[in-house]
C-alpha cells in the first residue's frame, strides 16, 4: 500500500502569529541541540541539515539536507517539503506542545532582547527582538572602538596575513575571542553594522543588516577581476594568498542582483568561489544560479577550480596559497561548468 502523506501542524496560521509575538532564542544552535536535532552544520548565518518534519508531512525522510534555519532570526524553511515558520513553530512541533508552551520554552532559555551601552555618550545598540527599534540609525564608527586589533595567533589559525586583516578592517572581540567583520555601504563606505563570528557562533549586528545590498571587501577592492566567496573571512584568506585586493564576500550563498551589479560596475570578469559544489548541494545550487542568471549579462563568469583540493569545502578550508592561486588561475568557464 502506498504511503499517504499528511500535512503536519507545522504550517503556522496568521492567528497563531498574531496571538503571541514569536520569541527568538538567544542561541538558536544550542536550542536545536536541546531539541535533539542532529547532523546540523552552521554556515555563516544559516544552520543546514535534514528537515525534522519531512516524514510527517510527505511520508518519507529527508535525505538531502533540504532544511535550513537562520541562526540570527530563528526562521526555518525546507525547500523540499515546504515546512517553514518562526522558531516557536519548530519547538511546538518537535515537542508536540501548544504554541504558548513553545513560546514559554524559548523564553526560559534566553531570548534576544538585551541592550548594552556602547558609547561614552550613552548611545545604545540593541538587538531587534520585537521589531520595536531600528538600530541601524544608531550605528556609527564609534561602535568599533569597542574592539581591538586581531592578535597574530588568531591570524595564524586561519592562515591570514595580519596586514591584510588590518587593511580589510577586521577587528577582534577579546573577551569572547570573536571576529568582528564591519559591513559598509557600497558607495560611501558608511558603516552599516558588522558580523560577529566565533566558534559555533554567528550574529549580524544590527539584525536588520542589509548584507544583500553590499559586499565585504568592496571598500578596499582594486583588481582587474573579482573573486567571490561566501564568507568575509574567506575573502581575507583568498586576498592573503593572491597578495591583492581582488576577493569579495557575499555573506551567504544567496548572491543577489544588487551584489552582481556592484561587481559588474567595477570589472568585466567574475570568478565564483562559493562553497565546493561537489561537496555542498547549497554551493552547487548557488553556483548554477549564477551561471544561468548572469553569464549573459555583460559579465564573464568563471568558477574556481577545486581540482587541486577536492576535499576542501571552501577556499578558506585549509587550502595552501598555491592551491588557492591555482584555483583562481585555472578557473572554469561558465560554458563548461555544470553543477546539477
C-alpha atoms as a PDB file:
ATOM      1  CA  UNK A   1       0.000   0.000   0.000  1.00  0.00           C
ATOM      2  CA  UNK A   2       1.316   3.398  -0.912  1.00  0.00           C
ATOM      3  CA  UNK A   3       2.255   5.727   1.907  1.00  0.00           C
ATOM      4  CA  UNK A   4      -0.229   8.535   2.370  1.00  0.00           C
ATOM      5  CA  UNK A   5       1.444  11.805   3.130  1.00  0.00           C
ATOM      6  CA  UNK A   6      -0.275  14.091   5.579  1.00  0.00           C
ATOM      7  CA  UNK A   7       0.253  17.696   6.462  1.00  0.00           C
ATOM      8  CA  UNK A   8       1.586  18.345   9.949  1.00  0.00           C
ATOM      9  CA  UNK A   9       0.672  21.187  12.223  1.00  0.00           C
ATOM     10  CA  UNK A  10       3.927  22.762  11.057  1.00  0.00           C
ATOM     11  CA  UNK A  11       2.348  25.404   8.855  1.00  0.00           C
ATOM     12  CA  UNK A  12       1.571  28.302  11.152  1.00  0.00           C
ATOM     13  CA  UNK A  13      -1.608  30.323  10.812  1.00  0.00           C
ATOM     14  CA  UNK A  14      -1.798  34.075  10.886  1.00  0.00           C
ATOM     15  CA  UNK A  15      -3.884  33.899  14.057  1.00  0.00           C
ATOM     16  CA  UNK A  16      -1.072  31.988  15.795  1.00  0.00           C
ATOM     17  CA  UNK A  17       1.437  34.614  14.753  1.00  0.00           C
ATOM     18  CA  UNK A  18      -0.713  37.485  15.972  1.00  0.00           C
ATOM     19  CA  UNK A  19      -1.706  35.872  19.270  1.00  0.00           C
ATOM     20  CA  UNK A  20       1.825  35.737  20.704  1.00  0.00           C
ATOM     21  CA  UNK A  21       4.810  37.589  19.282  1.00  0.00           C
ATOM     22  CA  UNK A  22       7.232  34.733  18.484  1.00  0.00           C
ATOM     23  CA  UNK A  23      10.327  34.937  20.717  1.00  0.00           C
ATOM     24  CA  UNK A  24      13.741  34.485  19.117  1.00  0.00           C
ATOM     25  CA  UNK A  25      16.232  32.270  21.002  1.00  0.00           C
ATOM     26  CA  UNK A  26      19.430  33.931  22.142  1.00  0.00           C
ATOM     27  CA  UNK A  27      21.304  30.817  20.937  1.00  0.00           C
ATOM     28  CA  UNK A  28      19.434  29.084  18.119  1.00  0.00           C
ATOM     29  CA  UNK A  29      22.047  26.345  17.640  1.00  0.00           C
ATOM     30  CA  UNK A  30      22.022  25.375  21.344  1.00  0.00           C
ATOM     31  CA  UNK A  31      18.222  25.192  21.347  1.00  0.00           C
ATOM     32  CA  UNK A  32      18.293  22.889  18.320  1.00  0.00           C
ATOM     33  CA  UNK A  33      20.735  20.591  20.096  1.00  0.00           C
ATOM     34  CA  UNK A  34      18.401  20.513  23.099  1.00  0.00           C
ATOM     35  CA  UNK A  35      15.563  19.560  20.750  1.00  0.00           C
ATOM     36  CA  UNK A  36      17.732  16.587  19.660  1.00  0.00           C
ATOM     37  CA  UNK A  37      18.008  17.852  16.084  1.00  0.00           C
ATOM     38  CA  UNK A  38      21.328  16.382  14.977  1.00  0.00           C
ATOM     39  CA  UNK A  39      23.649  16.438  11.958  1.00  0.00           C
ATOM     40  CA  UNK A  40      23.337  20.193  11.560  1.00  0.00           C
ATOM     41  CA  UNK A  41      26.037  22.381  10.038  1.00  0.00           C
ATOM     42  CA  UNK A  42      26.337  26.134  10.533  1.00  0.00           C
ATOM     43  CA  UNK A  43      27.494  28.237   7.581  1.00  0.00           C
ATOM     44  CA  UNK A  44      27.560  31.947   8.240  1.00  0.00           C
ATOM     45  CA  UNK A  45      24.049  32.839   9.425  1.00  0.00           C
ATOM     46  CA  UNK A  46      22.386  29.623   8.213  1.00  0.00           C
ATOM     47  CA  UNK A  47      22.194  26.269  10.006  1.00  0.00           C
ATOM     48  CA  UNK A  48      21.620  23.499   7.487  1.00  0.00           C
ATOM     49  CA  UNK A  49      20.509  19.905   7.873  1.00  0.00           C
ATOM     50  CA  UNK A  50      17.726  17.384   7.315  1.00  0.00           C
ATOM     51  CA  UNK A  51      14.148  18.500   7.810  1.00  0.00           C
ATOM     52  CA  UNK A  52      12.796  17.160  11.144  1.00  0.00           C
ATOM     53  CA  UNK A  53       9.182  17.115   9.918  1.00  0.00           C
ATOM     54  CA  UNK A  54       9.753  15.705   6.450  1.00  0.00           C
ATOM     55  CA  UNK A  55       8.287  12.266   7.126  1.00  0.00           C
ATOM     56  CA  UNK A  56       5.212  13.622   8.877  1.00  0.00           C
ATOM     57  CA  UNK A  57       4.498  15.994   6.009  1.00  0.00           C
ATOM     58  CA  UNK A  58       5.224  13.908   2.911  1.00  0.00           C
ATOM     59  CA  UNK A  59       5.669  10.339   4.142  1.00  0.00           C
ATOM     60  CA  UNK A  60       9.416   9.953   3.611  1.00  0.00           C
ATOM     61  CA  UNK A  61      12.630  11.031   5.309  1.00  0.00           C
ATOM     62  CA  UNK A  62      14.737  13.953   4.108  1.00  0.00           C
ATOM     63  CA  UNK A  63      17.879  12.509   2.525  1.00  0.00           C
ATOM     64  CA  UNK A  64      19.404  15.656   1.081  1.00  0.00           C
ATOM     65  CA  UNK A  65      19.703  18.237   3.896  1.00  0.00           C
ATOM     66  CA  UNK A  66      16.894  20.284   2.400  1.00  0.00           C
ATOM     67  CA  UNK A  67      16.226  22.313   5.536  1.00  0.00           C
ATOM     68  CA  UNK A  68      17.870  25.430   6.953  1.00  0.00           C
ATOM     69  CA  UNK A  69      17.388  27.690   9.981  1.00  0.00           C
ATOM     70  CA  UNK A  70      18.527  31.295  10.182  1.00  0.00           C
ATOM     71  CA  UNK A  71      20.856  31.445  13.194  1.00  0.00           C
ATOM     72  CA  UNK A  72      20.089  35.100  13.684  1.00  0.00           C
ATOM     73  CA  UNK A  73      16.297  35.189  13.395  1.00  0.00           C
ATOM     74  CA  UNK A  74      15.318  31.557  14.011  1.00  0.00           C
ATOM     75  CA  UNK A  75      13.172  31.387  10.887  1.00  0.00           C
ATOM     76  CA  UNK A  76      13.350  27.983   9.168  1.00  0.00           C
ATOM     77  CA  UNK A  77      12.477  26.669   5.740  1.00  0.00           C
ATOM     78  CA  UNK A  78      12.556  23.346   3.893  1.00  0.00           C
ATOM     79  CA  UNK A  79      12.763  23.984   0.172  1.00  0.00           C
ATOM     80  CA  UNK A  80      11.654  20.396  -0.479  1.00  0.00           C
ATOM     81  CA  UNK A  81       8.509  19.861   1.616  1.00  0.00           C
ATOM     82  CA  UNK A  82       7.694  23.486   2.398  1.00  0.00           C
ATOM     83  CA  UNK A  83       7.955  23.236   6.184  1.00  0.00           C
ATOM     84  CA  UNK A  84       8.629  26.815   7.286  1.00  0.00           C
ATOM     85  CA  UNK A  85       7.976  29.329  10.013  1.00  0.00           C
ATOM     86  CA  UNK A  86       9.408  31.068  13.093  1.00  0.00           C
ATOM     87  CA  UNK A  87      11.422  29.065  15.619  1.00  0.00           C
ATOM     88  CA  UNK A  88       8.473  28.779  18.004  1.00  0.00           C
ATOM     89  CA  UNK A  89       6.684  26.595  15.439  1.00  0.00           C
ATOM     90  CA  UNK A  90       9.647  24.218  15.330  1.00  0.00           C
ATOM     91  CA  UNK A  91       9.621  23.904  19.121  1.00  0.00           C
ATOM     92  CA  UNK A  92       5.858  23.356  19.093  1.00  0.00           C
ATOM     93  CA  UNK A  93       6.054  20.561  16.527  1.00  0.00           C
ATOM     94  CA  UNK A  94       9.149  18.757  17.823  1.00  0.00           C
ATOM     95  CA  UNK A  95       7.961  18.729  21.443  1.00  0.00           C
ATOM     96  CA  UNK A  96       4.289  18.308  20.481  1.00  0.00           C
ATOM     97  CA  UNK A  97       3.162  21.130  22.765  1.00  0.00           C
ATOM     98  CA  UNK A  98       0.982  24.198  22.343  1.00  0.00           C
ATOM     99  CA  UNK A  99       2.083  27.439  20.722  1.00  0.00           C
ATOM    100  CA  UNK A 100       2.000  29.182  24.111  1.00  0.00           C
ATOM    101  CA  UNK A 101       4.052  26.411  25.764  1.00  0.00           C
ATOM    102  CA  UNK A 102       6.610  26.562  22.951  1.00  0.00           C
ATOM    103  CA  UNK A 103       6.976  30.332  23.397  1.00  0.00           C
ATOM    104  CA  UNK A 104       7.499  29.834  27.141  1.00  0.00           C
ATOM    105  CA  UNK A 105      10.092  27.091  26.447  1.00  0.00           C
ATOM    106  CA  UNK A 106      12.140  29.527  24.354  1.00  0.00           C
ATOM    107  CA  UNK A 107      11.878  32.358  26.886  1.00  0.00           C
ATOM    108  CA  UNK A 108      13.133  30.077  29.648  1.00  0.00           C
ATOM    109  CA  UNK A 109      16.344  29.586  27.668  1.00  0.00           C
ATOM    110  CA  UNK A 110      17.005  33.246  26.976  1.00  0.00           C
ATOM    111  CA  UNK A 111      15.786  35.376  24.115  1.00  0.00           C
ATOM    112  CA  UNK A 112      17.268  38.225  22.097  1.00  0.00           C
ATOM    113  CA  UNK A 113      16.010  41.292  23.938  1.00  0.00           C
ATOM    114  CA  UNK A 114      19.072  42.817  25.516  1.00  0.00           C
ATOM    115  CA  UNK A 115      20.790  46.177  25.201  1.00  0.00           C
ATOM    116  CA  UNK A 116      24.308  47.231  26.075  1.00  0.00           C
ATOM    117  CA  UNK A 117      25.985  50.612  26.344  1.00  0.00           C
ATOM    118  CA  UNK A 118      28.482  51.067  23.543  1.00  0.00           C
ATOM    119  CA  UNK A 119      29.353  54.738  23.537  1.00  0.00           C
ATOM    120  CA  UNK A 120      30.554  57.062  26.293  1.00  0.00           C
ATOM    121  CA  UNK A 121      27.818  59.451  25.213  1.00  0.00           C
ATOM    122  CA  UNK A 122      25.155  56.983  26.270  1.00  0.00           C
ATOM    123  CA  UNK A 123      24.012  55.607  22.894  1.00  0.00           C
ATOM    124  CA  UNK A 124      22.769  52.019  22.962  1.00  0.00           C
ATOM    125  CA  UNK A 125      22.940  49.336  20.269  1.00  0.00           C
ATOM    126  CA  UNK A 126      20.032  46.919  20.684  1.00  0.00           C
ATOM    127  CA  UNK A 127      19.166  43.636  19.102  1.00  0.00           C
ATOM    128  CA  UNK A 128      15.770  43.829  17.479  1.00  0.00           C
ATOM    129  CA  UNK A 129      13.726  41.201  19.286  1.00  0.00           C
ATOM    130  CA  UNK A 130      10.268  42.681  18.933  1.00  0.00           C
ATOM    131  CA  UNK A 131      10.635  44.849  15.874  1.00  0.00           C
ATOM    132  CA  UNK A 132      10.302  47.955  18.024  1.00  0.00           C
ATOM    133  CA  UNK A 133      13.644  49.671  17.375  1.00  0.00           C
ATOM    134  CA  UNK A 134      15.554  50.257  14.158  1.00  0.00           C
ATOM    135  CA  UNK A 135      19.112  50.172  15.415  1.00  0.00           C
ATOM    136  CA  UNK A 136      20.612  50.907  12.009  1.00  0.00           C
ATOM    137  CA  UNK A 137      20.275  54.638  12.757  1.00  0.00           C
ATOM    138  CA  UNK A 138      22.433  54.225  15.865  1.00  0.00           C
ATOM    139  CA  UNK A 139      25.373  52.540  14.158  1.00  0.00           C
ATOM    140  CA  UNK A 140      28.489  54.638  13.546  1.00  0.00           C
ATOM    141  CA  UNK A 141      32.279  54.282  13.593  1.00  0.00           C
ATOM    142  CA  UNK A 142      32.415  54.842  17.340  1.00  0.00           C
ATOM    143  CA  UNK A 143      30.836  51.410  17.822  1.00  0.00           C
ATOM    144  CA  UNK A 144      34.009  49.787  16.502  1.00  0.00           C
ATOM    145  CA  UNK A 145      36.069  51.445  19.258  1.00  0.00           C
ATOM    146  CA  UNK A 146      34.906  48.608  21.494  1.00  0.00           C
ATOM    147  CA  UNK A 147      37.032  46.145  19.560  1.00  0.00           C
ATOM    148  CA  UNK A 148      40.754  45.571  19.165  1.00  0.00           C
ATOM    149  CA  UNK A 149      43.314  44.621  16.557  1.00  0.00           C
ATOM    150  CA  UNK A 150      43.211  40.911  15.698  1.00  0.00           C
ATOM    151  CA  UNK A 151      46.013  39.103  17.573  1.00  0.00           C
ATOM    152  CA  UNK A 152      48.649  37.400  15.469  1.00  0.00           C
ATOM    153  CA  UNK A 153      47.866  33.980  16.930  1.00  0.00           C
ATOM    154  CA  UNK A 154      44.270  34.283  15.690  1.00  0.00           C
ATOM    155  CA  UNK A 155      45.501  35.237  12.218  1.00  0.00           C
ATOM    156  CA  UNK A 156      47.776  32.185  12.200  1.00  0.00           C
ATOM    157  CA  UNK A 157      44.873  29.826  12.960  1.00  0.00           C
ATOM    158  CA  UNK A 158      43.308  30.828   9.626  1.00  0.00           C
ATOM    159  CA  UNK A 159      46.486  31.463   7.606  1.00  0.00           C
ATOM    160  CA  UNK A 160      45.693  35.165   7.342  1.00  0.00           C
ATOM    161  CA  UNK A 161      48.245  37.912   6.758  1.00  0.00           C
ATOM    162  CA  UNK A 162      47.846  40.353   9.698  1.00  0.00           C
ATOM    163  CA  UNK A 163      48.444  43.279   7.347  1.00  0.00           C
ATOM    164  CA  UNK A 164      45.640  42.062   5.069  1.00  0.00           C
ATOM    165  CA  UNK A 165      43.390  41.613   8.099  1.00  0.00           C
ATOM    166  CA  UNK A 166      44.028  45.216   9.155  1.00  0.00           C
ATOM    167  CA  UNK A 167      43.632  46.563   5.624  1.00  0.00           C
ATOM    168  CA  UNK A 168      40.222  44.907   5.283  1.00  0.00           C
ATOM    169  CA  UNK A 169      39.081  46.377   8.585  1.00  0.00           C
ATOM    170  CA  UNK A 170      38.691  43.128  10.507  1.00  0.00           C
ATOM    171  CA  UNK A 171      38.652  43.537  14.299  1.00  0.00           C
ATOM    172  CA  UNK A 172      38.575  41.322  17.384  1.00  0.00           C
ATOM    173  CA  UNK A 173      36.393  40.913  20.485  1.00  0.00           C
ATOM    174  CA  UNK A 174      38.995  39.801  23.067  1.00  0.00           C
ATOM    175  CA  UNK A 175      36.655  38.678  25.861  1.00  0.00           C
ATOM    176  CA  UNK A 176      34.769  36.214  23.622  1.00  0.00           C
ATOM    177  CA  UNK A 177      37.559  35.625  21.062  1.00  0.00           C
ATOM    178  CA  UNK A 178      35.269  36.528  18.175  1.00  0.00           C
ATOM    179  CA  UNK A 179      35.974  38.097  14.807  1.00  0.00           C
ATOM    180  CA  UNK A 180      34.310  41.439  14.054  1.00  0.00           C
ATOM    181  CA  UNK A 181      33.695  41.990  10.335  1.00  0.00           C
ATOM    182  CA  UNK A 182      32.447  45.516   9.505  1.00  0.00           C
ATOM    183  CA  UNK A 183      29.824  45.747   6.754  1.00  0.00           C
ATOM    184  CA  UNK A 184      29.695  49.036   4.838  1.00  0.00           C
ATOM    185  CA  UNK A 185      27.524  50.904   2.379  1.00  0.00           C
ATOM    186  CA  UNK A 186      28.961  50.087  -1.069  1.00  0.00           C
ATOM    187  CA  UNK A 187      29.489  53.589  -2.413  1.00  0.00           C
ATOM    188  CA  UNK A 188      30.275  55.791   0.602  1.00  0.00           C
ATOM    189  CA  UNK A 189      31.820  53.229   2.942  1.00  0.00           C
ATOM    190  CA  UNK A 190      29.446  54.269   5.729  1.00  0.00           C
ATOM    191  CA  UNK A 191      29.290  51.637   8.468  1.00  0.00           C
ATOM    192  CA  UNK A 192      26.032  49.675   8.323  1.00  0.00           C
ATOM    193  CA  UNK A 193      26.932  47.182  11.037  1.00  0.00           C
ATOM    194  CA  UNK A 194      29.093  44.131  11.436  1.00  0.00           C
ATOM    195  CA  UNK A 195      29.129  40.363  11.577  1.00  0.00           C
ATOM    196  CA  UNK A 196      30.349  38.787  14.799  1.00  0.00           C
ATOM    197  CA  UNK A 197      31.813  35.327  14.274  1.00  0.00           C
ATOM    198  CA  UNK A 198      33.225  32.834  16.752  1.00  0.00           C
ATOM    199  CA  UNK A 199      33.326  29.126  17.433  1.00  0.00           C
ATOM    200  CA  UNK A 200      29.767  27.833  16.849  1.00  0.00           C
ATOM    201  CA  UNK A 201      28.568  31.428  16.989  1.00  0.00           C
ATOM    202  CA  UNK A 202      27.433  33.896  14.371  1.00  0.00           C
ATOM    203  CA  UNK A 203      25.373  37.064  14.546  1.00  0.00           C
ATOM    204  CA  UNK A 204      24.596  40.118  12.431  1.00  0.00           C
ATOM    205  CA  UNK A 205      24.519  43.428  14.294  1.00  0.00           C
ATOM    206  CA  UNK A 206      22.079  45.016  13.922  1.00  0.00           C
ATOM    207  CA  UNK A 207      19.792  42.162  12.968  1.00  0.00           C
ATOM    208  CA  UNK A 208      18.363  44.401  10.225  1.00  0.00           C
ATOM    209  CA  UNK A 209      21.764  44.473   8.469  1.00  0.00           C
ATOM    210  CA  UNK A 210      21.160  44.614   4.699  1.00  0.00           C
ATOM    211  CA  UNK A 211      24.010  42.340   3.701  1.00  0.00           C
ATOM    212  CA  UNK A 212      22.454  41.537   0.312  1.00  0.00           C
ATOM    213  CA  UNK A 213      22.987  45.125  -0.827  1.00  0.00           C
ATOM    214  CA  UNK A 214      26.737  45.229  -0.370  1.00  0.00           C
ATOM    215  CA  UNK A 215      29.870  43.049  -0.438  1.00  0.00           C
ATOM    216  CA  UNK A 216      32.523  42.576   2.188  1.00  0.00           C
ATOM    217  CA  UNK A 217      35.855  43.964   0.997  1.00  0.00           C
ATOM    218  CA  UNK A 218      34.359  46.350  -1.529  1.00  0.00           C
ATOM    219  CA  UNK A 219      35.818  49.381   0.264  1.00  0.00           C
ATOM    220  CA  UNK A 220      39.398  48.208  -0.475  1.00  0.00           C
ATOM    221  CA  UNK A 221      38.763  46.343  -3.742  1.00  0.00           C
ATOM    222  CA  UNK A 222      41.226  47.153  -6.542  1.00  0.00           C
ATOM    223  CA  UNK A 223      41.796  44.482  -9.190  1.00  0.00           C
ATOM    224  CA  UNK A 224      41.122  43.727 -12.848  1.00  0.00           C
ATOM    225  CA  UNK A 225      38.848  40.814 -11.919  1.00  0.00           C
ATOM    226  CA  UNK A 226      36.809  39.835  -8.864  1.00  0.00           C
ATOM    227  CA  UNK A 227      36.774  36.592  -6.880  1.00  0.00           C
ATOM    228  CA  UNK A 228      33.535  35.981  -4.996  1.00  0.00           C
ATOM    229  CA  UNK A 229      33.379  33.823  -1.859  1.00  0.00           C
ATOM    230  CA  UNK A 230      30.634  33.387   0.734  1.00  0.00           C
ATOM    231  CA  UNK A 231      32.448  34.198   3.979  1.00  0.00           C
ATOM    232  CA  UNK A 232      34.111  37.556   4.727  1.00  0.00           C
ATOM    233  CA  UNK A 233      36.955  35.715   6.446  1.00  0.00           C
ATOM    234  CA  UNK A 234      37.411  33.569   3.346  1.00  0.00           C
ATOM    235  CA  UNK A 235      37.792  36.758   1.311  1.00  0.00           C
ATOM    236  CA  UNK A 236      40.643  37.791   3.616  1.00  0.00           C
ATOM    237  CA  UNK A 237      42.191  34.342   3.160  1.00  0.00           C
ATOM    238  CA  UNK A 238      41.989  34.488  -0.650  1.00  0.00           C
ATOM    239  CA  UNK A 239      43.426  38.004  -0.714  1.00  0.00           C
ATOM    240  CA  UNK A 240      46.240  36.788   1.535  1.00  0.00           C
ATOM    241  CA  UNK A 241      47.051  34.038  -0.981  1.00  0.00           C
ATOM    242  CA  UNK A 242      46.752  36.317  -4.012  1.00  0.00           C
ATOM    243  CA  UNK A 243      48.548  39.268  -2.425  1.00  0.00           C
ATOM    244  CA  UNK A 244      45.872  41.503  -3.894  1.00  0.00           C
ATOM    245  CA  UNK A 245      42.503  43.072  -3.015  1.00  0.00           C
ATOM    246  CA  UNK A 246      40.560  41.004  -5.545  1.00  0.00           C
ATOM    247  CA  UNK A 247      38.266  38.906  -3.354  1.00  0.00           C
ATOM    248  CA  UNK A 248      34.821  39.920  -2.106  1.00  0.00           C
ATOM    249  CA  UNK A 249      32.470  38.222   0.350  1.00  0.00           C
ATOM    250  CA  UNK A 250      28.767  37.809  -0.466  1.00  0.00           C
ATOM    251  CA  UNK A 251      27.994  36.897   3.179  1.00  0.00           C
ATOM    252  CA  UNK A 252      25.991  33.842   2.191  1.00  0.00           C
ATOM    253  CA  UNK A 253      25.255  31.501  -0.719  1.00  0.00           C
ATOM    254  CA  UNK A 254      22.294  33.568  -1.891  1.00  0.00           C
ATOM    255  CA  UNK A 255      24.027  36.070  -4.153  1.00  0.00           C
ATOM    256  CA  UNK A 256      21.703  38.950  -5.054  1.00  0.00           C
ATOM    257  CA  UNK A 257      21.175  41.009  -8.197  1.00  0.00           C
ATOM    258  CA  UNK A 258      22.394  44.056  -6.279  1.00  0.00           C
ATOM    259  CA  UNK A 259      25.681  42.331  -5.418  1.00  0.00           C
ATOM    260  CA  UNK A 260      26.246  41.231  -9.014  1.00  0.00           C
ATOM    261  CA  UNK A 261      25.534  44.778 -10.193  1.00  0.00           C
ATOM    262  CA  UNK A 262      28.181  46.103  -7.787  1.00  0.00           C
ATOM    263  CA  UNK A 263      30.711  43.700  -9.278  1.00  0.00           C
ATOM    264  CA  UNK A 264      29.686  44.426 -12.866  1.00  0.00           C
ATOM    265  CA  UNK A 265      30.151  48.152 -12.271  1.00  0.00           C
ATOM    266  CA  UNK A 266      33.808  47.525 -11.418  1.00  0.00           C
ATOM    267  CA  UNK A 267      35.099  44.608 -13.503  1.00  0.00           C
ATOM    268  CA  UNK A 268      34.261  42.506 -16.554  1.00  0.00           C
ATOM    269  CA  UNK A 269      35.277  39.129 -15.118  1.00  0.00           C
ATOM    270  CA  UNK A 270      33.982  37.333 -12.027  1.00  0.00           C
ATOM    271  CA  UNK A 271      35.483  34.136 -10.610  1.00  0.00           C
ATOM    272  CA  UNK A 272      32.862  32.457  -8.437  1.00  0.00           C
ATOM    273  CA  UNK A 273      34.399  30.594  -5.484  1.00  0.00           C
ATOM    274  CA  UNK A 274      31.369  29.665  -3.414  1.00  0.00           C
ATOM    275  CA  UNK A 275      31.431  26.512  -1.289  1.00  0.00           C
ATOM    276  CA  UNK A 276      32.725  23.475  -3.198  1.00  0.00           C
ATOM    277  CA  UNK A 277      29.778  22.408  -5.410  1.00  0.00           C
ATOM    278  CA  UNK A 278      30.963  18.804  -5.397  1.00  0.00           C
ATOM    279  CA  UNK A 279      30.637  18.585  -1.616  1.00  0.00           C
ATOM    280  CA  UNK A 280      27.923  21.102  -0.860  1.00  0.00           C
ATOM    281  CA  UNK A 281      24.461  20.993  -2.533  1.00  0.00           C
ATOM    282  CA  UNK A 282      23.792  24.598  -1.492  1.00  0.00           C
ATOM    283  CA  UNK A 283      27.052  25.695  -3.114  1.00  0.00           C
ATOM    284  CA  UNK A 284      26.156  23.794  -6.277  1.00  0.00           C
ATOM    285  CA  UNK A 285      22.693  25.341  -6.405  1.00  0.00           C
ATOM    286  CA  UNK A 286      24.020  28.860  -5.853  1.00  0.00           C
ATOM    287  CA  UNK A 287      26.796  28.429  -8.437  1.00  0.00           C
ATOM    288  CA  UNK A 288      24.361  27.111 -11.027  1.00  0.00           C
ATOM    289  CA  UNK A 289      22.013  30.013 -10.302  1.00  0.00           C
ATOM    290  CA  UNK A 290      24.812  32.492 -11.003  1.00  0.00           C
ATOM    291  CA  UNK A 291      25.835  30.652 -14.173  1.00  0.00           C
ATOM    292  CA  UNK A 292      22.315  30.617 -15.580  1.00  0.00           C
ATOM    293  CA  UNK A 293      21.224  34.085 -14.471  1.00  0.00           C
ATOM    294  CA  UNK A 294      24.244  36.288 -15.022  1.00  0.00           C
ATOM    295  CA  UNK A 295      26.576  34.732 -17.624  1.00  0.00           C
ATOM    296  CA  UNK A 296      24.904  36.601 -20.484  1.00  0.00           C
ATOM    297  CA  UNK A 297      24.552  39.967 -18.794  1.00  0.00           C
ATOM    298  CA  UNK A 298      27.782  41.677 -19.725  1.00  0.00           C
ATOM    299  CA  UNK A 299      29.889  39.773 -17.202  1.00  0.00           C
ATOM    300  CA  UNK A 300      32.369  36.998 -17.967  1.00  0.00           C
ATOM    301  CA  UNK A 301      31.826  34.361 -15.299  1.00  0.00           C
ATOM    302  CA  UNK A 302      34.235  31.599 -14.366  1.00  0.00           C
ATOM    303  CA  UNK A 303      34.256  29.155 -11.477  1.00  0.00           C
ATOM    304  CA  UNK A 304      37.033  28.450  -9.001  1.00  0.00           C
ATOM    305  CA  UNK A 305      38.782  25.161  -9.743  1.00  0.00           C
ATOM    306  CA  UNK A 306      38.819  22.827  -6.737  1.00  0.00           C
ATOM    307  CA  UNK A 307      40.741  20.051  -8.552  1.00  0.00           C
ATOM    308  CA  UNK A 308      43.939  20.668  -6.543  1.00  0.00           C
ATOM    309  CA  UNK A 309      41.987  20.483  -3.239  1.00  0.00           C
ATOM    310  CA  UNK A 310      38.888  18.335  -3.936  1.00  0.00           C
ATOM    311  CA  UNK A 311      38.106  17.785  -0.243  1.00  0.00           C
ATOM    312  CA  UNK A 312      38.153  21.472   0.681  1.00  0.00           C
ATOM    313  CA  UNK A 313      34.667  22.762   1.432  1.00  0.00           C
ATOM    314  CA  UNK A 314      35.612  26.341   0.511  1.00  0.00           C
ATOM    315  CA  UNK A 315      38.755  28.402  -0.284  1.00  0.00           C
ATOM    316  CA  UNK A 316      39.262  29.051   3.422  1.00  0.00           C
ATOM    317  CA  UNK A 317      39.304  25.356   4.337  1.00  0.00           C
ATOM    318  CA  UNK A 318      42.987  24.576   4.915  1.00  0.00           C
ATOM    319  CA  UNK A 319      43.960  25.283   1.324  1.00  0.00           C
ATOM    320  CA  UNK A 320      47.529  26.395   0.714  1.00  0.00           C
ATOM    321  CA  UNK A 321      48.375  29.673  -1.001  1.00  0.00           C
ATOM    322  CA  UNK A 322      49.461  27.705  -4.058  1.00  0.00           C
ATOM    323  CA  UNK A 323      46.165  25.768  -4.218  1.00  0.00           C
ATOM    324  CA  UNK A 324      44.147  28.981  -3.992  1.00  0.00           C
ATOM    325  CA  UNK A 325      46.283  30.656  -6.650  1.00  0.00           C
ATOM    326  CA  UNK A 326      45.943  27.632  -8.938  1.00  0.00           C
ATOM    327  CA  UNK A 327      42.174  27.502  -8.407  1.00  0.00           C
ATOM    328  CA  UNK A 328      41.869  31.126  -9.490  1.00  0.00           C
ATOM    329  CA  UNK A 329      44.299  30.891 -12.394  1.00  0.00           C
ATOM    330  CA  UNK A 330      42.598  27.746 -13.720  1.00  0.00           C
ATOM    331  CA  UNK A 331      39.021  28.848 -13.159  1.00  0.00           C
ATOM    332  CA  UNK A 332      36.484  27.012 -15.334  1.00  0.00           C
ATOM    333  CA  UNK A 333      34.469  28.888 -17.946  1.00  0.00           C
ATOM    334  CA  UNK A 334      30.732  29.127 -17.310  1.00  0.00           C
ATOM    335  CA  UNK A 335      30.228  27.471 -20.702  1.00  0.00           C
ATOM    336  CA  UNK A 336      31.872  24.275 -19.431  1.00  0.00           C
ATOM    337  CA  UNK A 337      30.757  24.410 -15.804  1.00  0.00           C
ATOM    338  CA  UNK A 338      27.843  22.212 -14.723  1.00  0.00           C
ATOM    339  CA  UNK A 339      26.663  21.776 -11.141  1.00  0.00           C
ATOM    340  CA  UNK A 340      23.368  19.954 -11.432  1.00  0.00           C
END
